[in-house]
Each structure stands twice: as C-alpha cells, then as structure tokens.
Amino acid sequence: MTSSQKTVNIGKVFSKFPAGRYSADGPASGEKFREDVLRPILSAGFDLVIELDDALGYGSSFLEEAFGGLVRSGFGANELLRRCHFESYDDSLVEEIRSYIREAGA
C-alpha cells in the first residue's frame, strides 16, 4: 500500500452485516457507507483498497447504492474503476460491484 492509498475492510470498520440502500433502511446501509466512509476518502484524493471478505454477505441494494451511488453523486465511473481496488475470494462479488459502477456511468 502506498501513502496515496487507504484500505477499508467493510466487515471490520463499517458492519459485519451491511444491508439496505438508504440511511432510513438502517445503520449499515449503502448510502451511509458511501457518505461516511467512501466519499471522504476519495474526496481527499486517496485511492481505495476495499476488503470485502469480513462481512457476512452483501445485498445488491447495499452494493449498488454504495458504489453506483458514487457515480450518481459526481465521481466518474472510469475514475472509480481505476481508483477502487476490490479484494475478495469471491470474484463474482467484485464483478458485481464493478458492473454497478459501469451501469451508473452509462
């Protein structure tokens, strides 16, 4: 990891049970993760290494709102695909997140 990167382990720093799209859906929603964790780090100019394996599952609404929502709120899809590096034993989860970013940018 370089000094221009930050690592975020979702299960350790946010929630073992990330769920829901909007903040009104609960304390571990995709919107809350995006606004409280992802946006501040990316806005400060850091690239992200996002570790996915310590959470106990992800709903599509959480993932789409967290990552697709970054595109809708002003980050470019290509920029996010370049700056966000996802680590998981489940390659299909990583591809699902990348697809939400691409679709939000289309």
PDB file of N, CA and C in Angstrom:
ATOM      1  N   MET A   1       0.836  -1.177   0.000  1.00  0.00           N
ATOM      2  CA  MET A   1       0.000   0.000   0.000  1.00  0.00           C
ATOM      3  C   MET A   1       0.882   1.242   0.000  1.00  0.00           C
ATOM      4  N   THR A   2       0.584   2.170  -0.873  1.00  0.00           N
ATOM      5  CA  THR A   2       1.334   3.416  -0.903  1.00  0.00           C
ATOM      6  C   THR A   2       0.641   4.437  -0.005  1.00  0.00           C
ATOM      7  N   SER A   3       1.316   5.565   0.230  1.00  0.00           N
ATOM      8  CA  SER A   3       0.726   6.589   1.087  1.00  0.00           C
ATOM      9  C   SER A   3      -0.486   7.230   0.430  1.00  0.00           C
ATOM     10  N   SER A   4      -0.678   7.034  -0.870  1.00  0.00           N
ATOM     11  CA  SER A   4      -1.841   7.609  -1.545  1.00  0.00           C
ATOM     12  C   SER A   4      -3.015   6.638  -1.578  1.00  0.00           C
ATOM     13  N   GLN A   5      -2.921   5.559  -0.813  1.00  0.00           N
ATOM     14  CA  GLN A   5      -3.993   4.564  -0.740  1.00  0.00           C
ATOM     15  C   GLN A   5      -4.472   4.415   0.701  1.00  0.00           C
ATOM     16  N   LYS A   6      -5.744   4.133   0.838  1.00  0.00           N
ATOM     17  CA  LYS A   6      -6.317   3.769   2.132  1.00  0.00           C
ATOM     18  C   LYS A   6      -6.997   2.418   1.950  1.00  0.00           C
ATOM     19  N   THR A   7      -6.924   1.582   2.971  1.00  0.00           N
ATOM     20  CA  THR A   7      -7.598   0.290   2.948  1.00  0.00           C
ATOM     21  C   THR A   7      -8.808   0.355   3.864  1.00  0.00           C
ATOM     22  N   VAL A   8      -9.933  -0.136   3.348  1.00  0.00           N
ATOM     23  CA  VAL A   8     -11.170  -0.193   4.118  1.00  0.00           C
ATOM     24  C   VAL A   8     -11.651  -1.641   4.114  1.00  0.00           C
ATOM     25  N   ASN A   9     -11.719  -2.214   5.287  1.00  0.00           N
ATOM     26  CA  ASN A   9     -12.284  -3.552   5.449  1.00  0.00           C
ATOM     27  C   ASN A   9     -13.721  -3.352   5.927  1.00  0.00           C
ATOM     28  N   ILE A  10     -14.685  -3.592   5.041  1.00  0.00           N
ATOM     29  CA  ILE A  10     -16.082  -3.282   5.347  1.00  0.00           C
ATOM     30  C   ILE A  10     -16.550  -3.971   6.621  1.00  0.00           C
ATOM     31  N   GLY A  11     -16.240  -5.254   6.775  1.00  0.00           N
ATOM     32  CA  GLY A  11     -16.697  -6.004   7.940  1.00  0.00           C
ATOM     33  C   GLY A  11     -16.077  -5.551   9.241  1.00  0.00           C
ATOM     34  N   LYS A  12     -14.897  -4.971   9.185  1.00  0.00           N
ATOM     35  CA  LYS A  12     -14.216  -4.541  10.407  1.00  0.00           C
ATOM     36  C   LYS A  12     -14.473  -3.080  10.743  1.00  0.00           C
ATOM     37  N   VAL A  13     -14.543  -2.197   9.742  1.00  0.00           N
ATOM     38  CA  VAL A  13     -14.673  -0.769  10.049  1.00  0.00           C
ATOM     39  C   VAL A  13     -16.082  -0.232   9.855  1.00  0.00           C
ATOM     40  N   PHE A  14     -16.960  -0.997   9.215  1.00  0.00           N
ATOM     41  CA  PHE A  14     -18.318  -0.498   8.982  1.00  0.00           C
ATOM     42  C   PHE A  14     -19.362  -1.413   9.609  1.00  0.00           C
ATOM     43  N   SER A  15     -19.522  -2.605   9.099  1.00  0.00           N
ATOM     44  CA  SER A  15     -20.515  -3.524   9.658  1.00  0.00           C
ATOM     45  C   SER A  15     -20.272  -4.937   9.158  1.00  0.00           C
ATOM     46  N   LYS A  16     -20.455  -5.897  10.037  1.00  0.00           N
ATOM     47  CA  LYS A  16     -20.426  -7.310   9.626  1.00  0.00           C
ATOM     48  C   LYS A  16     -21.662  -7.651   8.804  1.00  0.00           C
ATOM     49  N   PHE A  17     -22.714  -6.828   8.937  1.00  0.00           N
ATOM     50  CA  PHE A  17     -23.995  -7.099   8.281  1.00  0.00           C
ATOM     51  C   PHE A  17     -24.452  -5.895   7.463  1.00  0.00           C
ATOM     52  N   PRO A  18     -23.721  -5.530   6.411  1.00  0.00           N
ATOM     53  CA  PRO A  18     -24.147  -4.389   5.597  1.00  0.00           C
ATOM     54  C   PRO A  18     -25.449  -4.728   4.867  1.00  0.00           C
ATOM     55  N   ALA A  19     -26.423  -3.819   4.964  1.00  0.00           N
ATOM     56  CA  ALA A  19     -27.718  -4.113   4.356  1.00  0.00           C
ATOM     57  C   ALA A  19     -28.505  -2.835   4.149  1.00  0.00           C
ATOM     58  N   GLY A  20     -29.311  -2.848   3.120  1.00  0.00           N
ATOM     59  CA  GLY A  20     -30.201  -1.735   2.831  1.00  0.00           C
ATOM     60  C   GLY A  20     -29.575  -0.727   1.894  1.00  0.00           C
ATOM     61  N   ARG A  21     -30.426  -0.004   1.225  1.00  0.00           N
ATOM     62  CA  ARG A  21     -29.986   1.014   0.275  1.00  0.00           C
ATOM     63  C   ARG A  21     -29.803   2.364   0.955  1.00  0.00           C
ATOM     64  N   TYR A  22     -30.838   2.831   1.641  1.00  0.00           N
ATOM     65  CA  TYR A  22     -30.858   4.194   2.170  1.00  0.00           C
ATOM     66  C   TYR A  22     -30.643   4.212   3.676  1.00  0.00           C
ATOM     67  N   SER A  23     -30.216   5.351   4.185  1.00  0.00           N
ATOM     68  CA  SER A  23     -29.991   5.501   5.625  1.00  0.00           C
ATOM     69  C   SER A  23     -31.233   5.139   6.429  1.00  0.00           C
ATOM     70  N   ALA A  24     -32.405   5.424   5.889  1.00  0.00           N
ATOM     71  CA  ALA A  24     -33.654   5.086   6.574  1.00  0.00           C
ATOM     72  C   ALA A  24     -33.836   3.570   6.711  1.00  0.00           C
ATOM     73  N   ASP A  25     -33.107   2.790   5.920  1.00  0.00           N
ATOM     74  CA  ASP A  25     -33.212   1.330   5.976  1.00  0.00           C
ATOM     75  C   ASP A  25     -32.432   0.731   7.139  1.00  0.00           C
ATOM     76  N   GLY A  26     -31.598   1.524   7.785  1.00  0.00           N
ATOM     77  CA  GLY A  26     -30.838   1.016   8.925  1.00  0.00           C
ATOM     78  C   GLY A  26     -29.446   1.597   8.989  1.00  0.00           C
ATOM     79  N   PRO A  27     -28.738   1.314  10.064  1.00  0.00           N
ATOM     80  CA  PRO A  27     -27.435   1.938  10.315  1.00  0.00           C
ATOM     81  C   PRO A  27     -26.292   1.412   9.442  1.00  0.00           C
ATOM     82  N   ALA A  28     -26.519   0.341   8.690  1.00  0.00           N
ATOM     83  CA  ALA A  28     -25.446  -0.237   7.872  1.00  0.00           C
ATOM     84  C   ALA A  28     -25.820  -0.213   6.393  1.00  0.00           C
ATOM     85  N   SER A  29     -26.464   0.868   5.963  1.00  0.00           N
ATOM     86  CA  SER A  29     -26.946   0.978   4.586  1.00  0.00           C
ATOM     87  C   SER A  29     -25.833   1.374   3.616  1.00  0.00           C
ATOM     88  N   GLY A  30     -26.097   1.139   2.355  1.00  0.00           N
ATOM     89  CA  GLY A  30     -25.167   1.543   1.312  1.00  0.00           C
ATOM     90  C   GLY A  30     -24.962   3.046   1.270  1.00  0.00           C
ATOM     91  N   GLU A  31     -26.041   3.802   1.467  1.00  0.00           N
ATOM     92  CA  GLU A  31     -25.933   5.265   1.484  1.00  0.00           C
ATOM     93  C   GLU A  31     -25.016   5.733   2.606  1.00  0.00           C
ATOM     94  N   LYS A  32     -25.181   5.159   3.797  1.00  0.00           N
ATOM     95  CA  LYS A  32     -24.350   5.546   4.944  1.00  0.00           C
ATOM     96  C   LYS A  32     -22.883   5.171   4.703  1.00  0.00           C
ATOM     97  N   PHE A  33     -22.643   4.000   4.149  1.00  0.00           N
ATOM     98  CA  PHE A  33     -21.270   3.596   3.849  1.00  0.00           C
ATOM     99  C   PHE A  33     -20.644   4.539   2.824  1.00  0.00           C
ATOM    100  N   ARG A  34     -21.412   4.859   1.796  1.00  0.00           N
ATOM    101  CA  ARG A  34     -20.902   5.774   0.764  1.00  0.00           C
ATOM    102  C   ARG A  34     -20.562   7.130   1.363  1.00  0.00           C
ATOM    103  N   GLU A  35     -21.497   7.702   2.127  1.00  0.00           N
ATOM    104  CA  GLU A  35     -21.321   9.069   2.624  1.00  0.00           C
ATOM    105  C   GLU A  35     -20.333   9.169   3.782  1.00  0.00           C
ATOM    106  N   ASP A  36     -20.311   8.173   4.649  1.00  0.00           N
ATOM    107  CA  ASP A  36     -19.465   8.244   5.846  1.00  0.00           C
ATOM    108  C   ASP A  36     -18.072   7.673   5.645  1.00  0.00           C
ATOM    109  N   VAL A  37     -17.920   6.749   4.686  1.00  0.00           N
ATOM    110  CA  VAL A  37     -16.632   6.073   4.523  1.00  0.00           C
ATOM    111  C   VAL A  37     -16.018   6.360   3.153  1.00  0.00           C
ATOM    112  N   LEU A  38     -16.715   5.986   2.086  1.00  0.00           N
ATOM    113  CA  LEU A  38     -16.123   6.075   0.748  1.00  0.00           C
ATOM    114  C   LEU A  38     -15.877   7.506   0.288  1.00  0.00           C
ATOM    115  N   ARG A  39     -16.901   8.339   0.319  1.00  0.00           N
ATOM    116  CA  ARG A  39     -16.785   9.699  -0.206  1.00  0.00           C
ATOM    117  C   ARG A  39     -15.669  10.504   0.459  1.00  0.00           C
ATOM    118  N   PRO A  40     -15.569  10.511   1.803  1.00  0.00           N
ATOM    119  CA  PRO A  40     -14.491  11.313   2.407  1.00  0.00           C
ATOM    120  C   PRO A  40     -13.090  10.871   1.966  1.00  0.00           C
ATOM    121  N   ILE A  41     -12.876   9.588   1.844  1.00  0.00           N
ATOM    122  CA  ILE A  41     -11.550   9.095   1.450  1.00  0.00           C
ATOM    123  C   ILE A  41     -11.250   9.452   0.001  1.00  0.00           C
ATOM    124  N   LEU A  42     -12.208   9.201  -0.884  1.00  0.00           N
ATOM    125  CA  LEU A  42     -11.998   9.517  -2.295  1.00  0.00           C
ATOM    126  C   LEU A  42     -11.884  11.020  -2.516  1.00  0.00           C
ATOM    127  N   SER A  43     -12.690  11.809  -1.822  1.00  0.00           N
ATOM    128  CA  SER A  43     -12.644  13.267  -1.965  1.00  0.00           C
ATOM    129  C   SER A  43     -11.322  13.847  -1.481  1.00  0.00           C
ATOM    130  N   ALA A  44     -10.685  13.161  -0.548  1.00  0.00           N
ATOM    131  CA  ALA A  44      -9.378  13.601  -0.053  1.00  0.00           C
ATOM    132  C   ALA A  44      -8.248  13.224  -1.012  1.00  0.00           C
ATOM    133  N   GLY A  45      -8.593  12.526  -2.095  1.00  0.00           N
ATOM    134  CA  GLY A  45      -7.598  12.199  -3.110  1.00  0.00           C
ATOM    135  C   GLY A  45      -6.960  10.836  -2.984  1.00  0.00           C
ATOM    136  N   PHE A  46      -7.390  10.043  -2.026  1.00  0.00           N
ATOM    137  CA  PHE A  46      -6.814   8.718  -1.850  1.00  0.00           C
ATOM    138  C   PHE A  46      -7.467   7.705  -2.781  1.00  0.00           C
ATOM    139  N   ASP A  47      -6.707   6.723  -3.207  1.00  0.00           N
ATOM    140  CA  ASP A  47      -7.252   5.544  -3.851  1.00  0.00           C
ATOM    141  C   ASP A  47      -7.676   4.596  -2.739  1.00  0.00           C
ATOM    142  N   LEU A  48      -8.543   3.639  -3.081  1.00  0.00           N
ATOM    143  CA  LEU A  48      -9.084   2.741  -2.071  1.00  0.00           C
ATOM    144  C   LEU A  48      -8.799   1.284  -2.383  1.00  0.00           C
ATOM    145  N   VAL A  49      -8.404   0.554  -1.360  1.00  0.00           N
ATOM    146  CA  VAL A  49      -8.401  -0.901  -1.394  1.00  0.00           C
ATOM    147  C   VAL A  49      -9.565  -1.296  -0.490  1.00  0.00           C
ATOM    148  N   ILE A  50     -10.548  -1.971  -1.061  1.00  0.00           N
ATOM    149  CA  ILE A  50     -11.750  -2.324  -0.321  1.00  0.00           C
ATOM    150  C   ILE A  50     -11.761  -3.833  -0.112  1.00  0.00           C
ATOM    151  N   GLU A  51     -11.636  -4.224   1.157  1.00  0.00           N
ATOM    152  CA  GLU A  51     -11.624  -5.639   1.519  1.00  0.00           C
ATOM    153  C   GLU A  51     -13.046  -6.064   1.849  1.00  0.00           C
ATOM    154  N   LEU A  52     -13.527  -7.081   1.153  1.00  0.00           N
ATOM    155  CA  LEU A  52     -14.929  -7.475   1.227  1.00  0.00           C
ATOM    156  C   LEU A  52     -15.196  -8.711   2.080  1.00  0.00           C
ATOM    157  N   ASP A  53     -14.195  -9.500   2.388  1.00  0.00           N
ATOM    158  CA  ASP A  53     -14.419 -10.843   2.926  1.00  0.00           C
ATOM    159  C   ASP A  53     -14.841 -10.930   4.391  1.00  0.00           C
ATOM    160  N   ASP A  54     -14.715  -9.869   5.167  1.00  0.00           N
ATOM    161  CA  ASP A  54     -15.055  -9.974   6.588  1.00  0.00           C
ATOM    162  C   ASP A  54     -16.496  -9.616   6.922  1.00  0.00           C
ATOM    163  N   ALA A  55     -17.276  -9.211   5.936  1.00  0.00           N
ATOM    164  CA  ALA A  55     -18.707  -9.001   6.154  1.00  0.00           C
ATOM    165  C   ALA A  55     -19.429 -10.305   5.823  1.00  0.00           C
ATOM    166  N   LEU A  56     -20.600 -10.483   6.412  1.00  0.00           N
ATOM    167  CA  LEU A  56     -21.336 -11.735   6.240  1.00  0.00           C
ATOM    168  C   LEU A  56     -22.425 -11.576   5.181  1.00  0.00           C
ATOM    169  N   GLY A  57     -22.004 -11.288   3.964  1.00  0.00           N
ATOM    170  CA  GLY A  57     -22.925 -11.174   2.843  1.00  0.00           C
ATOM    171  C   GLY A  57     -23.258  -9.738   2.501  1.00  0.00           C
ATOM    172  N   TYR A  58     -23.650  -9.542   1.270  1.00  0.00           N
ATOM    173  CA  TYR A  58     -23.988  -8.221   0.752  1.00  0.00           C
ATOM    174  C   TYR A  58     -25.260  -8.305  -0.064  1.00  0.00           C
ATOM    175  N   GLY A  59     -26.186  -7.409   0.215  1.00  0.00           N
ATOM    176  CA  GLY A  59     -27.354  -7.289  -0.636  1.00  0.00           C
ATOM    177  C   GLY A  59     -27.026  -6.425  -1.836  1.00  0.00           C
ATOM    178  N   SER A  60     -27.706  -6.685  -2.934  1.00  0.00           N
ATOM    179  CA  SER A  60     -27.460  -5.893  -4.140  1.00  0.00           C
ATOM    180  C   SER A  60     -27.813  -4.430  -3.909  1.00  0.00           C
ATOM    181  N   SER A  61     -28.823  -4.146  -3.096  1.00  0.00           N
ATOM    182  CA  SER A  61     -29.199  -2.752  -2.853  1.00  0.00           C
ATOM    183  C   SER A  61     -28.080  -2.005  -2.118  1.00  0.00           C
ATOM    184  N   PHE A  62     -27.440  -2.674  -1.167  1.00  0.00           N
ATOM    185  CA  PHE A  62     -26.310  -2.050  -0.462  1.00  0.00           C
ATOM    186  C   PHE A  62     -25.192  -1.726  -1.445  1.00  0.00           C
ATOM    187  N   LEU A  63     -24.795  -2.714  -2.239  1.00  0.00           N
ATOM    188  CA  LEU A  63     -23.667  -2.535  -3.152  1.00  0.00           C
ATOM    189  C   LEU A  63     -23.959  -1.496  -4.226  1.00  0.00           C
ATOM    190  N   GLU A  64     -25.156  -1.549  -4.800  1.00  0.00           N
ATOM    191  CA  GLU A  64     -25.482  -0.609  -5.867  1.00  0.00           C
ATOM    192  C   GLU A  64     -25.523   0.813  -5.336  1.00  0.00           C
ATOM    193  N   GLU A  65     -26.112   1.020  -4.167  1.00  0.00           N
ATOM    194  CA  GLU A  65     -26.196   2.373  -3.616  1.00  0.00           C
ATOM    195  C   GLU A  65     -24.831   2.889  -3.203  1.00  0.00           C
ATOM    196  N   ALA A  66     -24.012   2.039  -2.598  1.00  0.00           N
ATOM    197  CA  ALA A  66     -22.685   2.473  -2.158  1.00  0.00           C
ATOM    198  C   ALA A  66     -21.808   2.844  -3.347  1.00  0.00           C
ATOM    199  N   PHE A  67     -21.741   1.976  -4.343  1.00  0.00           N
ATOM    200  CA  PHE A  67     -20.774   2.173  -5.427  1.00  0.00           C
ATOM    201  C   PHE A  67     -21.385   2.844  -6.659  1.00  0.00           C
ATOM    202  N   GLY A  68     -22.551   2.414  -7.081  1.00  0.00           N
ATOM    203  CA  GLY A  68     -23.238   3.122  -8.161  1.00  0.00           C
ATOM    204  C   GLY A  68     -23.597   4.530  -7.727  1.00  0.00           C
ATOM    205  N   GLY A  69     -23.937   4.678  -6.449  1.00  0.00           N
ATOM    206  CA  GLY A  69     -24.270   5.991  -5.916  1.00  0.00           C
ATOM    207  C   GLY A  69     -23.111   6.972  -5.978  1.00  0.00           C
ATOM    208  N   LEU A  70     -21.892   6.489  -5.888  1.00  0.00           N
ATOM    209  CA  LEU A  70     -20.737   7.381  -6.043  1.00  0.00           C
ATOM    210  C   LEU A  70     -20.727   8.021  -7.421  1.00  0.00           C
ATOM    211  N   VAL A  71     -21.089   7.247  -8.435  1.00  0.00           N
ATOM    212  CA  VAL A  71     -21.139   7.782  -9.803  1.00  0.00           C
ATOM    213  C   VAL A  71     -22.250   8.830  -9.897  1.00  0.00           C
ATOM    214  N   ARG A  72     -23.418   8.516  -9.381  1.00  0.00           N
ATOM    215  CA  ARG A  72     -24.545   9.450  -9.444  1.00  0.00           C
ATOM    216  C   ARG A  72     -24.277  10.730  -8.665  1.00  0.00           C
ATOM    217  N   SER A  73     -23.361  10.663  -7.703  1.00  0.00           N
ATOM    218  CA  SER A  73     -23.065  11.851  -6.899  1.00  0.00           C
ATOM    219  C   SER A  73     -21.842  12.620  -7.400  1.00  0.00           C
ATOM    220  N   GLY A  74     -21.350  12.252  -8.584  1.00  0.00           N
ATOM    221  CA  GLY A  74     -20.328  13.095  -9.194  1.00  0.00           C
ATOM    222  C   GLY A  74     -18.991  12.469  -9.517  1.00  0.00           C
ATOM    223  N   PHE A  75     -18.709  11.288  -9.032  1.00  0.00           N
ATOM    224  CA  PHE A  75     -17.458  10.628  -9.396  1.00  0.00           C
ATOM    225  C   PHE A  75     -17.641   9.943 -10.750  1.00  0.00           C
ATOM    226  N   GLY A  76     -16.648   9.985 -11.588  1.00  0.00           N
ATOM    227  CA  GLY A  76     -16.720   9.317 -12.875  1.00  0.00           C
ATOM    228  C   GLY A  76     -16.561   7.806 -12.719  1.00  0.00           C
ATOM    229  N   ALA A  77     -17.300   7.057 -13.535  1.00  0.00           N
ATOM    230  CA  ALA A  77     -17.215   5.593 -13.466  1.00  0.00           C
ATOM    231  C   ALA A  77     -15.798   5.115 -13.752  1.00  0.00           C
ATOM    232  N   ASN A  78     -15.176   5.636 -14.796  1.00  0.00           N
ATOM    233  CA  ASN A  78     -13.814   5.204 -15.132  1.00  0.00           C
ATOM    234  C   ASN A  78     -12.834   5.571 -14.021  1.00  0.00           C
ATOM    235  N   GLU A  79     -13.032   6.729 -13.433  1.00  0.00           N
ATOM    236  CA  GLU A  79     -12.182   7.150 -12.312  1.00  0.00           C
ATOM    237  C   GLU A  79     -12.307   6.160 -11.157  1.00  0.00           C
ATOM    238  N   LEU A  80     -13.538   5.777 -10.802  1.00  0.00           N
ATOM    239  CA  LEU A  80     -13.734   4.840  -9.695  1.00  0.00           C
ATOM    240  C   LEU A  80     -13.160   3.466 -10.001  1.00  0.00           C
ATOM    241  N   LEU A  81     -13.341   3.010 -11.229  1.00  0.00           N
ATOM    242  CA  LEU A  81     -12.793   1.700 -11.600  1.00  0.00           C
ATOM    243  C   LEU A  81     -11.270   1.702 -11.524  1.00  0.00           C
ATOM    244  N   ARG A  82     -10.668   2.852 -11.730  1.00  0.00           N
ATOM    245  CA  ARG A  82      -9.215   2.983 -11.642  1.00  0.00           C
ATOM    246  C   ARG A  82      -8.753   3.142 -10.181  1.00  0.00           C
ATOM    247  N   ARG A  83      -9.521   3.866  -9.386  1.00  0.00           N
ATOM    248  CA  ARG A  83      -9.083   4.224  -8.037  1.00  0.00           C
ATOM    249  C   ARG A  83      -9.515   3.244  -6.948  1.00  0.00           C
ATOM    250  N   CYS A  84     -10.505   2.406  -7.216  1.00  0.00           N
ATOM    251  CA  CYS A  84     -11.009   1.458  -6.227  1.00  0.00           C
ATOM    252  C   CYS A  84     -10.573   0.055  -6.599  1.00  0.00           C
ATOM    253  N   HIS A  85      -9.893  -0.590  -5.687  1.00  0.00           N
ATOM    254  CA  HIS A  85      -9.392  -1.948  -5.892  1.00  0.00           C
ATOM    255  C   HIS A  85     -10.094  -2.848  -4.871  1.00  0.00           C
ATOM    256  N   PHE A  86     -10.779  -3.854  -5.371  1.00  0.00           N
ATOM    257  CA  PHE A  86     -11.595  -4.718  -4.531  1.00  0.00           C
ATOM    258  C   PHE A  86     -10.881  -6.035  -4.284  1.00  0.00           C
ATOM    259  N   GLU A  87     -10.872  -6.460  -3.028  1.00  0.00           N
ATOM    260  CA  GLU A  87     -10.249  -7.720  -2.660  1.00  0.00           C
ATOM    261  C   GLU A  87     -11.295  -8.645  -2.065  1.00  0.00           C
ATOM    262  N   SER A  88     -11.434  -9.837  -2.666  1.00  0.00           N
ATOM    263  CA  SER A  88     -12.370 -10.833  -2.177  1.00  0.00           C
ATOM    264  C   SER A  88     -12.005 -12.188  -2.741  1.00  0.00           C
ATOM    265  N   TYR A  89     -12.306 -13.221  -1.969  1.00  0.00           N
ATOM    266  CA  TYR A  89     -12.144 -14.570  -2.502  1.00  0.00           C
ATOM    267  C   TYR A  89     -13.226 -14.863  -3.542  1.00  0.00           C
ATOM    268  N   ASP A  90     -14.271 -14.037  -3.580  1.00  0.00           N
ATOM    269  CA  ASP A  90     -15.414 -14.229  -4.480  1.00  0.00           C
ATOM    270  C   ASP A  90     -15.311 -13.254  -5.657  1.00  0.00           C
ATOM    271  N   ASP A  91     -14.750 -13.729  -6.755  1.00  0.00           N
ATOM    272  CA  ASP A  91     -14.577 -12.865  -7.928  1.00  0.00           C
ATOM    273  C   ASP A  91     -15.904 -12.355  -8.475  1.00  0.00           C
ATOM    274  N   SER A  92     -16.983 -13.126  -8.309  1.00  0.00           N
ATOM    275  CA  SER A  92     -18.275 -12.674  -8.827  1.00  0.00           C
ATOM    276  C   SER A  92     -18.783 -11.458  -8.046  1.00  0.00           C
ATOM    277  N   LEU A  93     -18.441 -11.355  -6.770  1.00  0.00           N
ATOM    278  CA  LEU A  93     -18.815 -10.186  -5.981  1.00  0.00           C
ATOM    279  C   LEU A  93     -18.091  -8.942  -6.488  1.00  0.00           C
ATOM    280  N   VAL A  94     -16.823  -9.084  -6.769  1.00  0.00           N
ATOM    281  CA  VAL A  94     -16.040  -7.970  -7.306  1.00  0.00           C
ATOM    282  C   VAL A  94     -16.615  -7.537  -8.648  1.00  0.00           C
ATOM    283  N   GLU A  95     -16.939  -8.474  -9.506  1.00  0.00           N
ATOM    284  CA  GLU A  95     -17.501  -8.130 -10.811  1.00  0.00           C
ATOM    285  C   GLU A  95     -18.875  -7.489 -10.672  1.00  0.00           C
ATOM    286  N   GLU A  96     -19.669  -7.935  -9.709  1.00  0.00           N
ATOM    287  CA  GLU A  96     -20.981  -7.322  -9.466  1.00  0.00           C
ATOM    288  C   GLU A  96     -20.820  -5.842  -9.114  1.00  0.00           C
ATOM    289  N   ILE A  97     -19.891  -5.532  -8.232  1.00  0.00           N
ATOM    290  CA  ILE A  97     -19.649  -4.131  -7.842  1.00  0.00           C
ATOM    291  C   ILE A  97     -19.191  -3.321  -9.042  1.00  0.00           C
ATOM    292  N   ARG A  98     -18.264  -3.855  -9.790  1.00  0.00           N
ATOM    293  CA  ARG A  98     -17.779  -3.138 -10.976  1.00  0.00           C
ATOM    294  C   ARG A  98     -18.905  -2.901 -11.974  1.00  0.00           C
ATOM    295  N   SER A  99     -19.815  -3.865 -12.095  1.00  0.00           N
ATOM    296  CA  SER A  99     -20.936  -3.693 -13.032  1.00  0.00           C
ATOM    297  C   SER A  99     -21.862  -2.572 -12.557  1.00  0.00           C
ATOM    298  N   TYR A 100     -22.073  -2.426 -11.254  1.00  0.00           N
ATOM    299  CA  TYR A 100     -22.899  -1.328 -10.749  1.00  0.00           C
ATOM    300  C   TYR A 100     -22.256   0.017 -11.059  1.00  0.00           C
ATOM    301  N   ILE A 101     -20.954   0.088 -10.939  1.00  0.00           N
ATOM    302  CA  ILE A 101     -20.246   1.332 -11.266  1.00  0.00           C
ATOM    303  C   ILE A 101     -20.394   1.638 -12.756  1.00  0.00           C
ATOM    304  N   ARG A 102     -20.162   0.637 -13.599  1.00  0.00           N
ATOM    305  CA  ARG A 102     -20.269   0.844 -15.051  1.00  0.00           C
ATOM    306  C   ARG A 102     -21.693   1.245 -15.451  1.00  0.00           C
ATOM    307  N   GLU A 103     -22.679   0.549 -14.911  1.00  0.00           N
ATOM    308  CA  GLU A 103     -24.083   0.829 -15.264  1.00  0.00           C
ATOM    309  C   GLU A 103     -24.490   2.234 -14.826  1.00  0.00           C
ATOM    310  N   ALA A 104     -24.041   2.670 -13.665  1.00  0.00           N
ATOM    311  CA  ALA A 104     -24.374   4.024 -13.189  1.00  0.00           C
ATOM    312  C   ALA A 104     -23.735   5.088 -14.066  1.00  0.00           C
ATOM    313  N   GLY A 105     -22.626   4.743 -14.703  1.00  0.00           N
ATOM    314  CA  GLY A 105     -21.932   5.699 -15.559  1.00  0.00           C
ATOM    315  C   GLY A 105     -22.408   5.698 -17.001  1.00  0.00           C
ATOM    316  N   ALA A 106     -23.281   4.763 -17.338  1.00  0.00           N
ATOM    317  CA  ALA A 106     -23.732   4.635 -18.740  1.00  0.00           C
ATOM    318  C   ALA A 106     -24.785   5.679 -19.076  1.00  0.00           C
TER     319      ALA A 106
END
